[in-house]
PDB file of N, CA and C in Angstrom:
ATOM      1  N   MET A   1       0.711  -1.170   0.094  1.00  0.00           N
ATOM      2  CA  MET A   1      -0.084   0.097   0.033  1.00  0.00           C
ATOM      3  C   MET A   1       0.866   1.312   0.000  1.00  0.00           C
ATOM      4  N   ARG A   2       0.620   2.093  -0.874  1.00  0.00           N
ATOM      5  CA  ARG A   2       1.345   3.563  -0.945  1.00  0.00           C
ATOM      6  C   ARG A   2       0.413   4.609  -0.263  1.00  0.00           C
ATOM      7  N   LEU A   3       0.950   5.170   0.737  1.00  0.00           N
ATOM      8  CA  LEU A   3       0.384   6.121   1.254  1.00  0.00           C
ATOM      9  C   LEU A   3       0.099   7.593   0.432  1.00  0.00           C
ATOM     10  N   ASP A   4       1.428   7.663  -0.216  1.00  0.00           N
ATOM     11  CA  ASP A   4       1.325   8.824  -0.881  1.00  0.00           C
ATOM     12  C   ASP A   4       0.799   8.819  -2.260  1.00  0.00           C
ATOM     13  N   CYS A   5       0.060   7.804  -2.855  1.00  0.00           N
ATOM     14  CA  CYS A   5      -0.853   7.728  -3.819  1.00  0.00           C
ATOM     15  C   CYS A   5      -2.123   8.612  -3.638  1.00  0.00           C
ATOM     16  N   PHE A   6      -2.641   8.525  -2.368  1.00  0.00           N
ATOM     17  CA  PHE A   6      -4.002   9.129  -2.029  1.00  0.00           C
ATOM     18  C   PHE A   6      -3.564  10.171  -0.987  1.00  0.00           C
ATOM     19  N   GLY A   7      -2.342  10.581  -0.397  1.00  0.00           N
ATOM     20  CA  GLY A   7      -1.889  11.313   0.583  1.00  0.00           C
ATOM     21  C   GLY A   7      -2.070  10.894   1.917  1.00  0.00           C
ATOM     22  N   ASN A   8      -1.734  11.473   2.926  1.00  0.00           N
ATOM     23  CA  ASN A   8      -1.961  11.106   4.236  1.00  0.00           C
ATOM     24  C   ASN A   8      -3.309  11.771   4.557  1.00  0.00           C
ATOM     25  N   PRO A   9      -4.180  11.028   4.925  1.00  0.00           N
ATOM     26  CA  PRO A   9      -5.509  11.499   5.309  1.00  0.00           C
ATOM     27  C   PRO A   9      -5.251  12.145   6.683  1.00  0.00           C
ATOM     28  N   ALA A  10      -4.571  11.762   7.568  1.00  0.00           N
ATOM     29  CA  ALA A  10      -4.192  12.347   8.874  1.00  0.00           C
ATOM     30  C   ALA A  10      -3.615  13.808   8.661  1.00  0.00           C
ATOM     31  N   GLU A  11      -2.632  13.818   7.746  1.00  0.00           N
ATOM     32  CA  GLU A  11      -2.016  15.144   7.517  1.00  0.00           C
ATOM     33  C   GLU A  11      -3.004  16.168   6.851  1.00  0.00           C
ATOM     34  N   ASP A  12      -3.836  15.389   5.843  1.00  0.00           N
ATOM     35  CA  ASP A  12      -4.727  16.406   5.088  1.00  0.00           C
ATOM     36  C   ASP A  12      -6.025  17.002   5.884  1.00  0.00           C
ATOM     37  N   VAL A  13      -6.464  16.092   6.693  1.00  0.00           N
ATOM     38  CA  VAL A  13      -7.509  16.686   7.415  1.00  0.00           C
ATOM     39  C   VAL A  13      -7.152  17.289   8.925  1.00  0.00           C
ATOM     40  N   LEU A  14      -6.191  16.643   9.447  1.00  0.00           N
ATOM     41  CA  LEU A  14      -6.171  17.198  11.039  1.00  0.00           C
ATOM     42  C   LEU A  14      -4.744  17.803  10.966  1.00  0.00           C
ATOM     43  N   GLY A  15      -3.736  17.970   9.984  1.00  0.00           N
ATOM     44  CA  GLY A  15      -2.639  18.779  10.164  1.00  0.00           C
ATOM     45  C   GLY A  15      -1.332  18.080  10.816  1.00  0.00           C
ATOM     46  N   PHE A  16      -1.383  16.659  10.918  1.00  0.00           N
ATOM     47  CA  PHE A  16      -0.171  16.074  11.482  1.00  0.00           C
ATOM     48  C   PHE A  16       0.264  14.886  10.673  1.00  0.00           C
ATOM     49  N   LYS A  17       1.650  14.574  10.904  1.00  0.00           N
ATOM     50  CA  LYS A  17       2.183  13.449  10.168  1.00  0.00           C
ATOM     51  C   LYS A  17       2.368  12.196  11.125  1.00  0.00           C
ATOM     52  N   ILE A  18       2.072  11.094  10.486  1.00  0.00           N
ATOM     53  CA  ILE A  18       2.333   9.641  11.119  1.00  0.00           C
ATOM     54  C   ILE A  18       3.987   9.652  10.848  1.00  0.00           C
ATOM     55  N   LYS A  19       4.670   9.505  11.918  1.00  0.00           N
ATOM     56  CA  LYS A  19       6.186   9.675  11.832  1.00  0.00           C
ATOM     57  C   LYS A  19       6.578   7.845  11.543  1.00  0.00           C
ATOM     58  N   THR A  20       6.019   7.082  12.517  1.00  0.00           N
ATOM     59  CA  THR A  20       6.550   5.591  12.400  1.00  0.00           C
ATOM     60  C   THR A  20       5.260   4.752  12.436  1.00  0.00           C
ATOM     61  N   PHE A  21       5.301   3.522  11.914  1.00  0.00           N
ATOM     62  CA  PHE A  21       4.339   2.597  11.995  1.00  0.00           C
ATOM     63  C   PHE A  21       4.987   1.321  12.681  1.00  0.00           C
ATOM     64  N   ILE A  22       4.051   0.772  13.347  1.00  0.00           N
ATOM     65  CA  ILE A  22       4.460  -0.434  14.220  1.00  0.00           C
ATOM     66  C   ILE A  22       4.519  -1.643  13.205  1.00  0.00           C
ATOM     67  N   GLY A  23       3.452  -1.871  12.299  1.00  0.00           N
ATOM     68  CA  GLY A  23       3.542  -2.865  11.410  1.00  0.00           C
ATOM     69  C   GLY A  23       3.640  -2.540  10.034  1.00  0.00           C
ATOM     70  N   THR A  24       4.084  -3.244   9.138  1.00  0.00           N
ATOM     71  CA  THR A  24       4.364  -2.708   7.787  1.00  0.00           C
ATOM     72  C   THR A  24       3.411  -3.194   6.703  1.00  0.00           C
ATOM     73  N   SER A  25       2.613  -4.099   7.088  1.00  0.00           N
ATOM     74  CA  SER A  25       1.842  -4.739   5.986  1.00  0.00           C
ATOM     75  C   SER A  25       0.645  -3.643   5.709  1.00  0.00           C
ATOM     76  N   GLU A  26       0.168  -3.817   4.463  1.00  0.00           N
ATOM     77  CA  GLU A  26      -1.084  -2.903   4.173  1.00  0.00           C
ATOM     78  C   GLU A  26      -2.007  -2.864   5.224  1.00  0.00           C
ATOM     79  N   ASN A  27      -2.473  -3.871   5.699  1.00  0.00           N
ATOM     80  CA  ASN A  27      -3.714  -4.177   6.801  1.00  0.00           C
ATOM     81  C   ASN A  27      -3.154  -3.187   8.037  1.00  0.00           C
ATOM     82  N   ALA A  28      -1.940  -3.539   8.590  1.00  0.00           N
ATOM     83  CA  ALA A  28      -1.421  -3.003   9.592  1.00  0.00           C
ATOM     84  C   ALA A  28      -1.235  -1.468   9.489  1.00  0.00           C
ATOM     85  N   VAL A  29      -0.985  -0.794   8.524  1.00  0.00           N
ATOM     86  CA  VAL A  29      -0.883   0.616   8.104  1.00  0.00           C
ATOM     87  C   VAL A  29      -2.399   1.010   8.141  1.00  0.00           C
ATOM     88  N   ARG A  30      -3.152   0.384   7.513  1.00  0.00           N
ATOM     89  CA  ARG A  30      -4.757   0.918   7.486  1.00  0.00           C
ATOM     90  C   ARG A  30      -5.082   0.854   8.896  1.00  0.00           C
ATOM     91  N   ILE A  31      -5.009  -0.017   9.769  1.00  0.00           N
ATOM     92  CA  ILE A  31      -5.458  -0.028  11.133  1.00  0.00           C
ATOM     93  C   ILE A  31      -4.884   1.005  11.999  1.00  0.00           C
ATOM     94  N   GLN A  32      -3.516   1.412  11.759  1.00  0.00           N
ATOM     95  CA  GLN A  32      -2.911   2.145  12.572  1.00  0.00           C
ATOM     96  C   GLN A  32      -3.484   3.786  12.051  1.00  0.00           C
ATOM     97  N   VAL A  33      -3.572   3.847  10.936  1.00  0.00           N
ATOM     98  CA  VAL A  33      -4.121   5.287  10.365  1.00  0.00           C
ATOM     99  C   VAL A  33      -5.685   5.524  10.985  1.00  0.00           C
ATOM    100  N   TRP A  34      -6.250   4.395  10.821  1.00  0.00           N
ATOM    101  CA  TRP A  34      -7.924   4.630  11.254  1.00  0.00           C
ATOM    102  C   TRP A  34      -7.724   4.743  12.556  1.00  0.00           C
ATOM    103  N   THR A  35      -6.983   4.178  13.505  1.00  0.00           N
ATOM    104  CA  THR A  35      -6.994   4.180  14.815  1.00  0.00           C
ATOM    105  C   THR A  35      -6.584   5.594  15.421  1.00  0.00           C
ATOM    106  N   ALA A  36      -5.608   6.259  14.742  1.00  0.00           N
ATOM    107  CA  ALA A  36      -4.949   7.588  14.960  1.00  0.00           C
ATOM    108  C   ALA A  36      -5.953   8.506  14.693  1.00  0.00           C
ATOM    109  N   LEU A  37      -6.682   8.450  13.458  1.00  0.00           N
ATOM    110  CA  LEU A  37      -8.049   9.273  13.325  1.00  0.00           C
ATOM    111  C   LEU A  37      -8.933   9.214  14.336  1.00  0.00           C
ATOM    112  N   ILE A  38      -9.409   8.023  14.675  1.00  0.00           N
ATOM    113  CA  ILE A  38     -10.588   7.845  15.589  1.00  0.00           C
ATOM    114  C   ILE A  38     -10.109   8.607  17.115  1.00  0.00           C
ATOM    115  N   ALA A  39      -8.913   8.252  17.330  1.00  0.00           N
ATOM    116  CA  ALA A  39      -8.242   8.778  18.637  1.00  0.00           C
ATOM    117  C   ALA A  39      -8.374  10.394  18.538  1.00  0.00           C
ATOM    118  N   ILE A  40      -8.007  10.865  17.436  1.00  0.00           N
ATOM    119  CA  ILE A  40      -7.803  12.483  17.370  1.00  0.00           C
ATOM    120  C   ILE A  40      -9.246  13.113  17.363  1.00  0.00           C
ATOM    121  N   LEU A  41     -10.306  12.320  16.472  1.00  0.00           N
ATOM    122  CA  LEU A  41     -11.526  12.724  16.428  1.00  0.00           C
ATOM    123  C   LEU A  41     -12.263  12.749  17.822  1.00  0.00           C
ATOM    124  N   LEU A  42     -11.951  11.778  18.776  1.00  0.00           N
ATOM    125  CA  LEU A  42     -12.578  11.655  20.181  1.00  0.00           C
ATOM    126  C   LEU A  42     -12.033  12.817  20.777  1.00  0.00           C
ATOM    127  N   THR A  43     -10.763  12.992  20.735  1.00  0.00           N
ATOM    128  CA  THR A  43     -10.031  14.083  21.630  1.00  0.00           C
ATOM    129  C   THR A  43     -10.622  15.381  21.128  1.00  0.00           C
ATOM    130  N   LYS A  44     -10.917  15.511  19.713  1.00  0.00           N
ATOM    131  CA  LYS A  44     -11.167  17.037  19.347  1.00  0.00           C
ATOM    132  C   LYS A  44     -12.560  16.960  19.973  1.00  0.00           C
ATOM    133  N   TYR A  45     -13.441  16.030  19.986  1.00  0.00           N
ATOM    134  CA  TYR A  45     -14.772  15.931  20.635  1.00  0.00           C
ATOM    135  C   TYR A  45     -14.756  16.623  22.028  1.00  0.00           C
ATOM    136  N   LEU A  46     -13.955  15.861  22.703  1.00  0.00           N
ATOM    137  CA  LEU A  46     -13.933  16.211  24.313  1.00  0.00           C
ATOM    138  C   LEU A  46     -13.338  17.540  24.417  1.00  0.00           C
ATOM    139  N   LYS A  47     -12.585  18.210  23.454  1.00  0.00           N
ATOM    140  CA  LYS A  47     -12.135  19.552  23.523  1.00  0.00           C
ATOM    141  C   LYS A  47     -13.355  20.432  23.324  1.00  0.00           C
ATOM    142  N   PHE A  48     -14.204  19.988  22.214  1.00  0.00           N
ATOM    143  CA  PHE A  48     -15.310  20.733  22.002  1.00  0.00           C
ATOM    144  C   PHE A  48     -16.320  21.002  23.195  1.00  0.00           C
ATOM    145  N   LEU A  49     -16.813  19.762  23.812  1.00  0.00           N
ATOM    146  CA  LEU A  49     -17.341  19.527  25.068  1.00  0.00           C
ATOM    147  C   LEU A  49     -17.003  20.537  26.151  1.00  0.00           C
ATOM    148  N   SER A  50     -15.810  20.649  26.447  1.00  0.00           N
ATOM    149  CA  SER A  50     -15.203  21.285  27.565  1.00  0.00           C
ATOM    150  C   SER A  50     -15.346  22.569  27.436  1.00  0.00           C
ATOM    151  N   LYS A  51     -15.559  23.185  28.807  1.00  0.00           N
ATOM    152  CA  LYS A  51     -15.902  24.810  28.882  1.00  0.00           C
ATOM    153  C   LYS A  51     -14.366  25.372  29.024  1.00  0.00           C
ATOM    154  N   ALA A  52     -13.612  24.510  29.726  1.00  0.00           N
ATOM    155  CA  ALA A  52     -12.119  25.161  29.797  1.00  0.00           C
ATOM    156  C   ALA A  52     -11.584  25.255  28.383  1.00  0.00           C
ATOM    157  N   LYS A  53     -10.656  26.488  28.226  1.00  0.00           N
ATOM    158  CA  LYS A  53      -9.942  26.498  26.952  1.00  0.00           C
ATOM    159  C   LYS A  53      -8.755  25.858  26.970  1.00  0.00           C
ATOM    160  N   TRP A  54      -8.921  24.493  26.278  1.00  0.00           N
ATOM    161  CA  TRP A  54      -7.825  23.604  26.145  1.00  0.00           C
ATOM    162  C   TRP A  54      -7.100  23.707  24.747  1.00  0.00           C
ATOM    163  N   HIS A  55      -5.843  23.727  24.866  1.00  0.00           N
ATOM    164  CA  HIS A  55      -4.890  23.447  23.548  1.00  0.00           C
ATOM    165  C   HIS A  55      -5.099  22.068  23.438  1.00  0.00           C
ATOM    166  N   PHE A  56      -4.914  21.508  22.212  1.00  0.00           N
ATOM    167  CA  PHE A  56      -5.156  20.076  21.736  1.00  0.00           C
ATOM    168  C   PHE A  56      -3.900  19.272  22.470  1.00  0.00           C
ATOM    169  N   SER A  57      -2.749  19.876  22.420  1.00  0.00           N
ATOM    170  CA  SER A  57      -1.628  18.960  22.954  1.00  0.00           C
ATOM    171  C   SER A  57      -1.645  19.099  24.589  1.00  0.00           C
ATOM    172  N   THR A  58      -2.038  20.026  25.107  1.00  0.00           N
ATOM    173  CA  THR A  58      -2.289  19.971  26.656  1.00  0.00           C
ATOM    174  C   THR A  58      -3.286  18.990  26.842  1.00  0.00           C
ATOM    175  N   LEU A  59      -4.627  19.135  26.271  1.00  0.00           N
ATOM    176  CA  LEU A  59      -5.609  18.151  26.752  1.00  0.00           C
ATOM    177  C   LEU A  59      -5.137  16.622  26.458  1.00  0.00           C
ATOM    178  N   VAL A  60      -4.354  16.233  25.674  1.00  0.00           N
ATOM    179  CA  VAL A  60      -3.893  15.088  25.019  1.00  0.00           C
ATOM    180  C   VAL A  60      -2.870  14.614  26.289  1.00  0.00           C
ATOM    181  N   THR A  61      -2.040  15.526  26.869  1.00  0.00           N
ATOM    182  CA  THR A  61      -1.017  15.253  27.809  1.00  0.00           C
ATOM    183  C   THR A  61      -1.751  15.017  29.404  1.00  0.00           C
ATOM    184  N   PHE A  62      -2.800  15.705  29.535  1.00  0.00           N
ATOM    185  CA  PHE A  62      -3.485  15.676  30.694  1.00  0.00           C
ATOM    186  C   PHE A  62      -4.505  14.348  30.663  1.00  0.00           C
ATOM    187  N   LEU A  63      -4.972  14.012  29.555  1.00  0.00           N
ATOM    188  CA  LEU A  63      -5.726  12.716  29.531  1.00  0.00           C
ATOM    189  C   LEU A  63      -4.712  11.497  29.631  1.00  0.00           C
ATOM    190  N   LYS A  64      -3.490  11.681  29.202  1.00  0.00           N
ATOM    191  CA  LYS A  64      -2.645  10.615  29.591  1.00  0.00           C
ATOM    192  C   LYS A  64      -2.316  10.496  30.893  1.00  0.00           C
ATOM    193  N   TRP A  65      -2.015  11.530  31.768  1.00  0.00           N
ATOM    194  CA  TRP A  65      -1.897  11.656  33.217  1.00  0.00           C
ATOM    195  C   TRP A  65      -2.935  11.048  33.883  1.00  0.00           C
ATOM    196  N   ASN A  66      -4.121  11.372  33.600  1.00  0.00           N
ATOM    197  CA  ASN A  66      -5.230  11.127  34.343  1.00  0.00           C
ATOM    198  C   ASN A  66      -6.067   9.874  33.773  1.00  0.00           C
ATOM    199  N   LEU A  67      -5.334   9.179  32.965  1.00  0.00           N
ATOM    200  CA  LEU A  67      -5.960   7.892  32.427  1.00  0.00           C
ATOM    201  C   LEU A  67      -6.511   6.914  33.220  1.00  0.00           C
ATOM    202  N   PHE A  68      -5.910   6.543  34.608  1.00  0.00           N
ATOM    203  CA  PHE A  68      -6.410   5.751  35.412  1.00  0.00           C
ATOM    204  C   PHE A  68      -6.950   6.438  36.786  1.00  0.00           C
ATOM    205  N   VAL A  69      -7.315   7.492  36.818  1.00  0.00           N
ATOM    206  CA  VAL A  69      -8.045   8.223  37.923  1.00  0.00           C
ATOM    207  C   VAL A  69      -9.427   8.086  37.577  1.00  0.00           C
ATOM    208  N   TYR A  70     -10.160   7.834  38.674  1.00  0.00           N
ATOM    209  CA  TYR A  70     -11.397   7.409  38.583  1.00  0.00           C
ATOM    210  C   TYR A  70     -12.328   8.798  38.635  1.00  0.00           C
ATOM    211  N   ARG A  71     -12.801   9.359  37.721  1.00  0.00           N
ATOM    212  CA  ARG A  71     -13.499  10.661  38.029  1.00  0.00           C
ATOM    213  C   ARG A  71     -14.504  10.977  37.001  1.00  0.00           C
ATOM    214  N   ASP A  72     -15.447  11.959  37.120  1.00  0.00           N
ATOM    215  CA  ASP A  72     -16.298  11.989  36.009  1.00  0.00           C
ATOM    216  C   ASP A  72     -15.476  12.751  34.851  1.00  0.00           C
ATOM    217  N   LEU A  73     -15.671  12.435  33.867  1.00  0.00           N
ATOM    218  CA  LEU A  73     -15.074  12.944  32.704  1.00  0.00           C
ATOM    219  C   LEU A  73     -15.257  14.264  32.238  1.00  0.00           C
ATOM    220  N   ARG A  74     -16.769  14.640  32.041  1.00  0.00           N
ATOM    221  CA  ARG A  74     -17.266  16.049  31.993  1.00  0.00           C
ATOM    222  C   ARG A  74     -16.916  17.114  33.006  1.00  0.00           C
ATOM    223  N   GLN A  75     -17.069  16.537  34.358  1.00  0.00           N
ATOM    224  CA  GLN A  75     -16.459  17.320  35.200  1.00  0.00           C
ATOM    225  C   GLN A  75     -15.069  17.859  35.081  1.00  0.00           C
ATOM    226  N   TRP A  76     -14.296  16.784  34.866  1.00  0.00           N
ATOM    227  CA  TRP A  76     -12.799  16.946  34.804  1.00  0.00           C
ATOM    228  C   TRP A  76     -12.494  17.897  33.728  1.00  0.00           C
ATOM    229  N   LEU A  77     -13.109  17.633  32.462  1.00  0.00           N
ATOM    230  CA  LEU A  77     -12.799  18.600  31.353  1.00  0.00           C
ATOM    231  C   LEU A  77     -13.109  20.086  31.639  1.00  0.00           C
ATOM    232  N   ASP A  78     -14.293  20.459  32.403  1.00  0.00           N
ATOM    233  CA  ASP A  78     -14.540  21.663  32.881  1.00  0.00           C
ATOM    234  C   ASP A  78     -13.591  22.322  33.966  1.00  0.00           C
ATOM    235  N   GLN A  79     -13.502  21.490  34.954  1.00  0.00           N
ATOM    236  CA  GLN A  79     -12.417  21.786  36.024  1.00  0.00           C
ATOM    237  C   GLN A  79     -11.407  20.932  36.234  1.00  0.00           C
ATOM    238  N   PRO A  80     -10.249  20.953  35.491  1.00  0.00           N
ATOM    239  CA  PRO A  80      -9.236  19.892  35.550  1.00  0.00           C
ATOM    240  C   PRO A  80      -8.235  20.050  36.771  1.00  0.00           C
ATOM    241  N   PHE A  81      -8.365  21.133  37.324  1.00  0.00           N
ATOM    242  CA  PHE A  81      -7.282  21.199  38.512  1.00  0.00           C
ATOM    243  C   PHE A  81      -7.995  20.848  39.795  1.00  0.00           C
ATOM    244  N   THR A  82      -9.394  20.433  39.906  1.00  0.00           N
ATOM    245  CA  THR A  82      -9.730  20.171  41.272  1.00  0.00           C
ATOM    246  C   THR A  82      -9.211  18.927  41.783  1.00  0.00           C
ATOM    247  N   LYS A  83      -9.391  18.530  42.975  1.00  0.00           N
ATOM    248  CA  LYS A  83      -8.857  17.289  43.488  1.00  0.00           C
ATOM    249  C   LYS A  83      -9.650  16.231  43.176  1.00  0.00           C
ATOM    250  N   PRO A  84      -9.260  14.878  42.636  1.00  0.00           N
ATOM    251  CA  PRO A  84     -10.132  13.804  42.491  1.00  0.00           C
ATOM    252  C   PRO A  84     -10.742  13.557  43.726  1.00  0.00           C
ATOM    253  N   PRO A  85     -12.053  12.838  43.774  1.00  0.00           N
ATOM    254  CA  PRO A  85     -12.782  12.411  45.012  1.00  0.00           C
ATOM    255  C   PRO A  85     -11.783  11.162  45.469  1.00  0.00           C
ATOM    256  N   GLU A  86     -12.075  10.816  46.882  1.00  0.00           N
ATOM    257  CA  GLU A  86     -11.423   9.874  47.487  1.00  0.00           C
ATOM    258  C   GLU A  86     -12.020   8.633  47.156  1.00  0.00           C
ATOM    259  N   PRO A  87     -11.150   7.609  46.765  1.00  0.00           N
ATOM    260  CA  PRO A  87     -12.001   6.292  46.463  1.00  0.00           C
ATOM    261  C   PRO A  87     -12.559   5.719  47.671  1.00  0.00           C
ATOM    262  N   GLU A  88     -13.623   5.267  47.381  1.00  0.00           N
ATOM    263  CA  GLU A  88     -14.182   4.176  48.577  1.00  0.00           C
ATOM    264  C   GLU A  88     -13.432   2.989  48.694  1.00  0.00           C
ATOM    265  N   SER A  89     -12.994   2.820  50.035  1.00  0.00           N
ATOM    266  CA  SER A  89     -12.365   1.710  50.416  1.00  0.00           C
ATOM    267  C   SER A  89     -13.283   0.369  50.349  1.00  0.00           C
ATOM    268  N   PHE A  90     -13.040  -0.541  49.660  1.00  0.00           N
ATOM    269  CA  PHE A  90     -13.822  -1.584  49.509  1.00  0.00           C
ATOM    270  C   PHE A  90     -12.976  -3.070  49.884  1.00  0.00           C
ATOM    271  N   GLN A  91     -13.176  -3.639  50.949  1.00  0.00           N
ATOM    272  CA  GLN A  91     -12.418  -4.702  51.198  1.00  0.00           C
ATOM    273  C   GLN A  91     -13.181  -6.002  51.384  1.00  0.00           C
ATOM    274  N   PRO A  92     -13.182  -6.974  50.280  1.00  0.00           N
ATOM    275  CA  PRO A  92     -14.290  -7.827  50.579  1.00  0.00           C
ATOM    276  C   PRO A  92     -13.847  -8.896  51.513  1.00  0.00           C
ATOM    277  N   GLU A  93     -14.793  -9.408  52.216  1.00  0.00           N
ATOM    278  CA  GLU A  93     -14.415 -10.559  53.226  1.00  0.00           C
ATOM    279  C   GLU A  93     -14.935 -11.805  52.802  1.00  0.00           C
ATOM    280  N   PHE A  94     -14.312 -12.756  53.132  1.00  0.00           N
ATOM    281  CA  PHE A  94     -14.637 -14.122  52.710  1.00  0.00           C
ATOM    282  C   PHE A  94     -15.180 -14.839  54.090  1.00  0.00           C
ATOM    283  N   ALA A  95     -16.319 -15.580  53.665  1.00  0.00           N
ATOM    284  CA  ALA A  95     -16.840 -16.124  55.004  1.00  0.00           C
ATOM    285  C   ALA A  95     -16.202 -17.834  54.975  1.00  0.00           C
ATOM    286  N   PHE A  96     -15.493 -18.186  55.837  1.00  0.00           N
ATOM    287  CA  PHE A  96     -14.949 -19.514  55.703  1.00  0.00           C
ATOM    288  C   PHE A  96     -15.687 -20.485  56.615  1.00  0.00           C
TER     289      PHE A  96
END
């Protein structure tokens, strides 16, 4: 598969270049391009929903940092610097 025959859709639509590919087969490249486009589309939608004025790169960085923090996404998008809620401690007990 030659990406240059139809252009790079990520570069044409969203203005970024894909630098490296993990797999080199046609199917692997197609999957990676589509995965990148979907991820960027979802991130741009989150930026659109947010009341805070995010730069795209800052939003991506903060999403990576808070990936495993349990909190309401919409609330976090609007107020990113508030402290996350304390997790409820749940210790299951076994009856022997």
